[in-house]
PDB file of N, CA and C in Angstrom:
ATOM      1  N   MET A   1      98.425  20.570 112.280  1.00  0.00           N
ATOM      2  CA  MET A   1      98.341  20.846 110.869  1.00  0.00           C
ATOM      3  C   MET A   1      99.494  21.771 110.477  1.00  0.00           C
ATOM      4  N   ARG A   2     100.082  21.541 109.342  1.00  0.00           N
ATOM      5  CA  ARG A   2     101.189  22.343 108.834  1.00  0.00           C
ATOM      6  C   ARG A   2     100.910  22.783 107.403  1.00  0.00           C
ATOM      7  N   VAL A   3     101.471  23.922 107.027  1.00  0.00           N
ATOM      8  CA  VAL A   3     101.292  24.474 105.692  1.00  0.00           C
ATOM      9  C   VAL A   3     102.619  24.356 104.951  1.00  0.00           C
ATOM     10  N   PRO A   4     102.641  23.740 103.763  1.00  0.00           N
ATOM     11  CA  PRO A   4     103.877  23.670 102.990  1.00  0.00           C
ATOM     12  C   PRO A   4     104.336  25.061 102.549  1.00  0.00           C
ATOM     13  N   VAL A   5     105.660  25.225 102.460  1.00  0.00           N
ATOM     14  CA  VAL A   5     106.255  26.504 102.072  1.00  0.00           C
ATOM     15  C   VAL A   5     107.235  26.242 100.938  1.00  0.00           C
ATOM     16  N   ILE A   6     107.193  27.110  99.925  1.00  0.00           N
ATOM     17  CA  ILE A   6     108.208  27.049  98.876  1.00  0.00           C
ATOM     18  C   ILE A   6     108.873  28.414  98.780  1.00  0.00           C
ATOM     19  N   SER A   7     110.107  28.410  98.335  1.00  0.00           N
ATOM     20  CA  SER A   7     110.872  29.650  98.249  1.00  0.00           C
ATOM     21  C   SER A   7     110.478  30.436  97.001  1.00  0.00           C
ATOM     22  N   LYS A   8     111.083  31.586  96.877  1.00  0.00           N
ATOM     23  CA  LYS A   8     110.867  32.451  95.717  1.00  0.00           C
ATOM     24  C   LYS A   8     111.264  31.734  94.426  1.00  0.00           C
ATOM     25  N   ASP A   9     112.245  30.815  94.526  1.00  0.00           N
ATOM     26  CA  ASP A   9     112.752  30.072  93.376  1.00  0.00           C
ATOM     27  C   ASP A   9     112.096  28.699  93.217  1.00  0.00           C
ATOM     28  N   ASN A  10     110.943  28.474  93.850  1.00  0.00           N
ATOM     29  CA  ASN A  10     110.182  27.217  93.798  1.00  0.00           C
ATOM     30  C   ASN A  10     110.915  26.028  94.408  1.00  0.00           C
ATOM     31  N   LEU A  11     111.744  26.264  95.415  1.00  0.00           N
ATOM     32  CA  LEU A  11     112.396  25.175  96.136  1.00  0.00           C
ATOM     33  C   LEU A  11     111.608  24.896  97.415  1.00  0.00           C
ATOM     34  N   PRO A  12     111.371  23.622  97.752  1.00  0.00           N
ATOM     35  CA  PRO A  12     110.609  23.312  98.962  1.00  0.00           C
ATOM     36  C   PRO A  12     111.390  23.654 100.220  1.00  0.00           C
ATOM     37  N   LEU A  13     110.695  24.237 101.200  1.00  0.00           N
ATOM     38  CA  LEU A  13     111.279  24.575 102.492  1.00  0.00           C
ATOM     39  C   LEU A  13     110.501  23.843 103.576  1.00  0.00           C
ATOM     40  N   MET A  14     110.886  24.063 104.814  1.00  0.00           N
ATOM     41  CA  MET A  14     110.195  23.428 105.931  1.00  0.00           C
ATOM     42  C   MET A  14     108.764  23.960 106.042  1.00  0.00           C
ATOM     43  N   MET A  15     107.860  23.117 106.492  1.00  0.00           N
ATOM     44  CA  MET A  15     106.463  23.517 106.678  1.00  0.00           C
ATOM     45  C   MET A  15     106.358  24.490 107.850  1.00  0.00           C
ATOM     46  N   THR A  16     105.255  25.225 107.894  1.00  0.00           N
ATOM     47  CA  THR A  16     105.031  26.188 108.961  1.00  0.00           C
ATOM     48  C   THR A  16     103.617  26.037 109.510  1.00  0.00           C
ATOM     49  N   LYS A  17     103.363  26.742 110.597  1.00  0.00           N
ATOM     50  CA  LYS A  17     102.034  26.720 111.206  1.00  0.00           C
ATOM     51  C   LYS A  17     101.084  27.601 110.399  1.00  0.00           C
ATOM     52  N   PRO A  18      99.793  27.277 110.392  1.00  0.00           N
ATOM     53  CA  PRO A  18      98.822  28.100 109.659  1.00  0.00           C
ATOM     54  C   PRO A  18      98.807  29.565 110.117  1.00  0.00           C
ATOM     55  N   SER A  19      98.997  29.813 111.411  1.00  0.00           N
ATOM     56  CA  SER A  19      98.974  31.199 111.904  1.00  0.00           C
ATOM     57  C   SER A  19     100.132  31.999 111.328  1.00  0.00           C
ATOM     58  N   ARG A  20     101.304  31.392 111.223  1.00  0.00           N
ATOM     59  CA  ARG A  20     102.456  32.086 110.657  1.00  0.00           C
ATOM     60  C   ARG A  20     102.248  32.329 109.155  1.00  0.00           C
ATOM     61  N   ALA A  21     101.675  31.339 108.462  1.00  0.00           N
ATOM     62  CA  ALA A  21     101.410  31.494 107.034  1.00  0.00           C
ATOM     63  C   ALA A  21     100.428  32.647 106.795  1.00  0.00           C
ATOM     64  N   ARG A  22      99.378  32.745 107.619  1.00  0.00           N
ATOM     65  CA  ARG A  22      98.421  33.849 107.508  1.00  0.00           C
ATOM     66  C   ARG A  22      99.106  35.190 107.732  1.00  0.00           C
ATOM     67  N   ARG A  23      99.975  35.248 108.750  1.00  0.00           N
ATOM     68  CA  ARG A  23     100.684  36.486 109.058  1.00  0.00           C
ATOM     69  C   ARG A  23     101.585  36.906 107.895  1.00  0.00           C
ATOM     70  N   TRP A  24     102.296  35.941 107.286  1.00  0.00           N
ATOM     71  CA  TRP A  24     103.142  36.249 106.134  1.00  0.00           C
ATOM     72  C   TRP A  24     102.318  36.824 104.985  1.00  0.00           C
ATOM     73  N   ILE A  25     101.141  36.237 104.742  1.00  0.00           N
ATOM     74  CA  ILE A  25     100.282  36.700 103.649  1.00  0.00           C
ATOM     75  C   ILE A  25      99.768  38.115 103.945  1.00  0.00           C
ATOM     76  N   GLU A  26      99.335  38.361 105.187  1.00  0.00           N
ATOM     77  CA  GLU A  26      98.837  39.689 105.562  1.00  0.00           C
ATOM     78  C   GLU A  26      99.923  40.753 105.480  1.00  0.00           C
ATOM     79  N   GLN A  27     101.168  40.381 105.815  1.00  0.00           N
ATOM     80  CA  GLN A  27     102.281  41.331 105.789  1.00  0.00           C
ATOM     81  C   GLN A  27     102.891  41.484 104.396  1.00  0.00           C
ATOM     82  N   GLY A  28     102.437  40.704 103.439  1.00  0.00           N
ATOM     83  CA  GLY A  28     102.944  40.798 102.082  1.00  0.00           C
ATOM     84  C   GLY A  28     104.263  40.068 101.865  1.00  0.00           C
ATOM     85  N   LYS A  29     104.623  39.193 102.797  1.00  0.00           N
ATOM     86  CA  LYS A  29     105.866  38.433 102.667  1.00  0.00           C
ATOM     87  C   LYS A  29     105.691  37.172 101.842  1.00  0.00           C
ATOM     88  N   ALA A  30     104.436  36.738 101.637  1.00  0.00           N
ATOM     89  CA  ALA A  30     104.160  35.508 100.898  1.00  0.00           C
ATOM     90  C   ALA A  30     102.793  35.615 100.235  1.00  0.00           C
ATOM     91  N   ILE A  31     102.562  34.712  99.283  1.00  0.00           N
ATOM     92  CA  ILE A  31     101.237  34.616  98.671  1.00  0.00           C
ATOM     93  C   ILE A  31     100.747  33.176  98.821  1.00  0.00           C
ATOM     94  N   GLY A  32      99.463  33.026  98.995  1.00  0.00           N
ATOM     95  CA  GLY A  32      98.867  31.706  99.120  1.00  0.00           C
ATOM     96  C   GLY A  32      98.476  31.161  97.763  1.00  0.00           C
ATOM     97  N   LYS A  33      98.717  29.876  97.552  1.00  0.00           N
ATOM     98  CA  LYS A  33      98.394  29.229  96.286  1.00  0.00           C
ATOM     99  C   LYS A  33      97.835  27.839  96.556  1.00  0.00           C
ATOM    100  N   PHE A  34      97.218  27.261  95.521  1.00  0.00           N
ATOM    101  CA  PHE A  34      96.758  25.879  95.569  1.00  0.00           C
ATOM    102  C   PHE A  34      97.450  25.109  94.457  1.00  0.00           C
ATOM    103  N   ASP A  35      97.875  23.864  94.761  1.00  0.00           N
ATOM    104  CA  ASP A  35      98.488  23.049  93.714  1.00  0.00           C
ATOM    105  C   ASP A  35      97.408  22.285  92.958  1.00  0.00           C
ATOM    106  N   LYS A  36      97.806  21.417  92.037  1.00  0.00           N
ATOM    107  CA  LYS A  36      96.853  20.687  91.191  1.00  0.00           C
ATOM    108  C   LYS A  36      95.950  19.757  91.984  1.00  0.00           C
ATOM    109  N   LEU A  37      96.415  19.310  93.162  1.00  0.00           N
ATOM    110  CA  LEU A  37      95.617  18.423  94.008  1.00  0.00           C
ATOM    111  C   LEU A  37      94.721  19.178  94.979  1.00  0.00           C
ATOM    112  N   GLY A  38      94.788  20.509  94.952  1.00  0.00           N
ATOM    113  CA  GLY A  38      93.959  21.316  95.827  1.00  0.00           C
ATOM    114  C   GLY A  38      94.577  21.565  97.185  1.00  0.00           C
ATOM    115  N   ILE A  39      95.877  21.300  97.355  1.00  0.00           N
ATOM    116  CA  ILE A  39      96.555  21.507  98.626  1.00  0.00           C
ATOM    117  C   ILE A  39      97.036  22.956  98.686  1.00  0.00           C
ATOM    118  N   PHE A  40      96.705  23.635  99.783  1.00  0.00           N
ATOM    119  CA  PHE A  40      97.106  25.027  99.962  1.00  0.00           C
ATOM    120  C   PHE A  40      98.564  25.088 100.400  1.00  0.00           C
ATOM    121  N   TYR A  41      99.333  26.029  99.837  1.00  0.00           N
ATOM    122  CA  TYR A  41     100.709  26.254 100.254  1.00  0.00           C
ATOM    123  C   TYR A  41     101.019  27.734 100.106  1.00  0.00           C
ATOM    124  N   VAL A  42     102.117  28.173 100.704  1.00  0.00           N
ATOM    125  CA  VAL A  42     102.529  29.563 100.573  1.00  0.00           C
ATOM    126  C   VAL A  42     103.856  29.631  99.840  1.00  0.00           C
ATOM    127  N   GLN A  43     103.985  30.666  99.007  1.00  0.00           N
ATOM    128  CA  GLN A  43     105.235  30.917  98.307  1.00  0.00           C
ATOM    129  C   GLN A  43     105.790  32.240  98.805  1.00  0.00           C
ATOM    130  N   LEU A  44     107.028  32.194  99.306  1.00  0.00           N
ATOM    131  CA  LEU A  44     107.664  33.392  99.821  1.00  0.00           C
ATOM    132  C   LEU A  44     107.992  34.342  98.672  1.00  0.00           C
ATOM    133  N   LEU A  45     107.858  35.637  98.929  1.00  0.00           N
ATOM    134  CA  LEU A  45     108.170  36.652  97.932  1.00  0.00           C
ATOM    135  C   LEU A  45     109.583  37.198  98.111  1.00  0.00           C
ATOM    136  N   ALA A  46     110.190  36.966  99.265  1.00  0.00           N
ATOM    137  CA  ALA A  46     111.548  37.414  99.547  1.00  0.00           C
ATOM    138  C   ALA A  46     112.399  36.186  99.874  1.00  0.00           C
ATOM    139  N   GLU A  47     113.695  36.386  99.918  1.00  0.00           N
ATOM    140  CA  GLU A  47     114.591  35.292 100.271  1.00  0.00           C
ATOM    141  C   GLU A  47     114.359  34.896 101.727  1.00  0.00           C
ATOM    142  N   PRO A  48     114.335  33.584 102.035  1.00  0.00           N
ATOM    143  CA  PRO A  48     114.139  33.159 103.420  1.00  0.00           C
ATOM    144  C   PRO A  48     115.368  33.473 104.267  1.00  0.00           C
ATOM    145  N   SER A  49     115.154  33.635 105.571  1.00  0.00           N
ATOM    146  CA  SER A  49     116.271  33.918 106.471  1.00  0.00           C
ATOM    147  C   SER A  49     117.152  32.679 106.648  1.00  0.00           C
ATOM    148  N   ASP A  50     116.564  31.501 106.476  1.00  0.00           N
ATOM    149  CA  ASP A  50     117.318  30.258 106.615  1.00  0.00           C
ATOM    150  C   ASP A  50     116.705  29.233 105.675  1.00  0.00           C
ATOM    151  N   ALA A  51     117.515  28.606 104.847  1.00  0.00           N
ATOM    152  CA  ALA A  51     116.996  27.668 103.853  1.00  0.00           C
ATOM    153  C   ALA A  51     117.335  26.221 104.198  1.00  0.00           C
ATOM    154  N   LYS A  52     117.476  25.916 105.484  1.00  0.00           N
ATOM    155  CA  LYS A  52     117.759  24.537 105.882  1.00  0.00           C
ATOM    156  C   LYS A  52     116.499  23.695 105.713  1.00  0.00           C
ATOM    157  N   THR A  53     116.692  22.443 105.329  1.00  0.00           N
ATOM    158  CA  THR A  53     115.567  21.511 105.217  1.00  0.00           C
ATOM    159  C   THR A  53     115.873  20.276 106.043  1.00  0.00           C
ATOM    160  N   GLN A  54     114.861  19.515 106.327  1.00  0.00           N
ATOM    161  CA  GLN A  54     114.978  18.319 107.146  1.00  0.00           C
ATOM    162  C   GLN A  54     114.610  17.113 106.295  1.00  0.00           C
ATOM    163  N   ASN A  55     115.377  16.031 106.410  1.00  0.00           N
ATOM    164  CA  ASN A  55     115.057  14.806 105.693  1.00  0.00           C
ATOM    165  C   ASN A  55     113.781  14.196 106.250  1.00  0.00           C
ATOM    166  N   LEU A  56     112.957  13.641 105.382  1.00  0.00           N
ATOM    167  CA  LEU A  56     111.715  13.004 105.782  1.00  0.00           C
ATOM    168  C   LEU A  56     111.834  11.505 105.593  1.00  0.00           C
ATOM    169  N   VAL A  57     111.199  10.766 106.473  1.00  0.00           N
ATOM    170  CA  VAL A  57     111.206   9.316 106.399  1.00  0.00           C
ATOM    171  C   VAL A  57     109.763   8.842 106.393  1.00  0.00           C
ATOM    172  N   ILE A  58     109.463   7.928 105.482  1.00  0.00           N
ATOM    173  CA  ILE A  58     108.111   7.379 105.395  1.00  0.00           C
ATOM    174  C   ILE A  58     108.178   5.914 105.803  1.00  0.00           C
ATOM    175  N   GLY A  59     107.296   5.532 106.703  1.00  0.00           N
ATOM    176  CA  GLY A  59     107.229   4.134 107.127  1.00  0.00           C
ATOM    177  C   GLY A  59     105.949   3.500 106.618  1.00  0.00           C
ATOM    178  N   LEU A  60     106.061   2.324 106.034  1.00  0.00           N
ATOM    179  CA  LEU A  60     104.900   1.599 105.531  1.00  0.00           C
ATOM    180  C   LEU A  60     104.703   0.335 106.354  1.00  0.00           C
ATOM    181  N   ASP A  61     103.477   0.038 106.652  1.00  0.00           N
ATOM    182  CA  ASP A  61     103.139  -1.155 107.416  1.00  0.00           C
ATOM    183  C   ASP A  61     102.310  -2.073 106.526  1.00  0.00           C
ATOM    184  N   PRO A  62     102.935  -3.036 105.846  1.00  0.00           N
ATOM    185  CA  PRO A  62     102.183  -3.917 104.946  1.00  0.00           C
ATOM    186  C   PRO A  62     101.183  -4.805 105.701  1.00  0.00           C
ATOM    187  N   GLY A  63     101.400  -5.011 106.960  1.00  0.00           N
ATOM    188  CA  GLY A  63     100.488  -5.845 107.749  1.00  0.00           C
ATOM    189  C   GLY A  63      99.117  -5.228 107.935  1.00  0.00           C
ATOM    190  N   LYS A  64      99.015  -3.945 107.813  1.00  0.00           N
ATOM    191  CA  LYS A  64      97.729  -3.268 107.972  1.00  0.00           C
ATOM    192  C   LYS A  64      96.754  -3.660 106.868  1.00  0.00           C
ATOM    193  N   MET A  65      97.274  -4.045 105.707  1.00  0.00           N
ATOM    194  CA  MET A  65      96.404  -4.380 104.584  1.00  0.00           C
ATOM    195  C   MET A  65      95.943  -5.837 104.589  1.00  0.00           C
ATOM    196  N   VAL A  66      96.437  -6.613 105.536  1.00  0.00           N
ATOM    197  CA  VAL A  66      96.076  -8.029 105.594  1.00  0.00           C
ATOM    198  C   VAL A  66      94.796  -8.181 106.395  1.00  0.00           C
ATOM    199  N   ARG A  67      93.855  -8.904 105.820  1.00  0.00           N
ATOM    200  CA  ARG A  67      92.582  -9.164 106.506  1.00  0.00           C
ATOM    201  C   ARG A  67      92.592 -10.595 107.022  1.00  0.00           C
ATOM    202  N   ILE A  68      92.250 -10.754 108.264  1.00  0.00           N
ATOM    203  CA  ILE A  68      92.129 -12.090 108.837  1.00  0.00           C
ATOM    204  C   ILE A  68      90.656 -12.412 108.927  1.00  0.00           C
ATOM    205  N   VAL A  69      90.246 -13.441 108.202  1.00  0.00           N
ATOM    206  CA  VAL A  69      88.852 -13.859 108.193  1.00  0.00           C
ATOM    207  C   VAL A  69      88.759 -15.164 108.955  1.00  0.00           C
ATOM    208  N   GLY A  70      87.839 -15.213 109.858  1.00  0.00           N
ATOM    209  CA  GLY A  70      87.737 -16.476 110.552  1.00  0.00           C
ATOM    210  C   GLY A  70      86.789 -16.501 111.671  1.00  0.00           C
TER     211      GLY A  70
END
């Protein structure tokens, strides 16, 4: 499980582990929020040490939706 992270300027960053997100909140480095869909995420209160992001790829399998009756 991963927790989404956004920067102080509302830019998406790499996800983090729940334990790290809890530690950031306890140390006052971030605040926890919920979006409109009810997904929990953390927003950093300070500038991140590294703002690199990774490209994501989504794969769809249309064959999964086909039902074979017989």
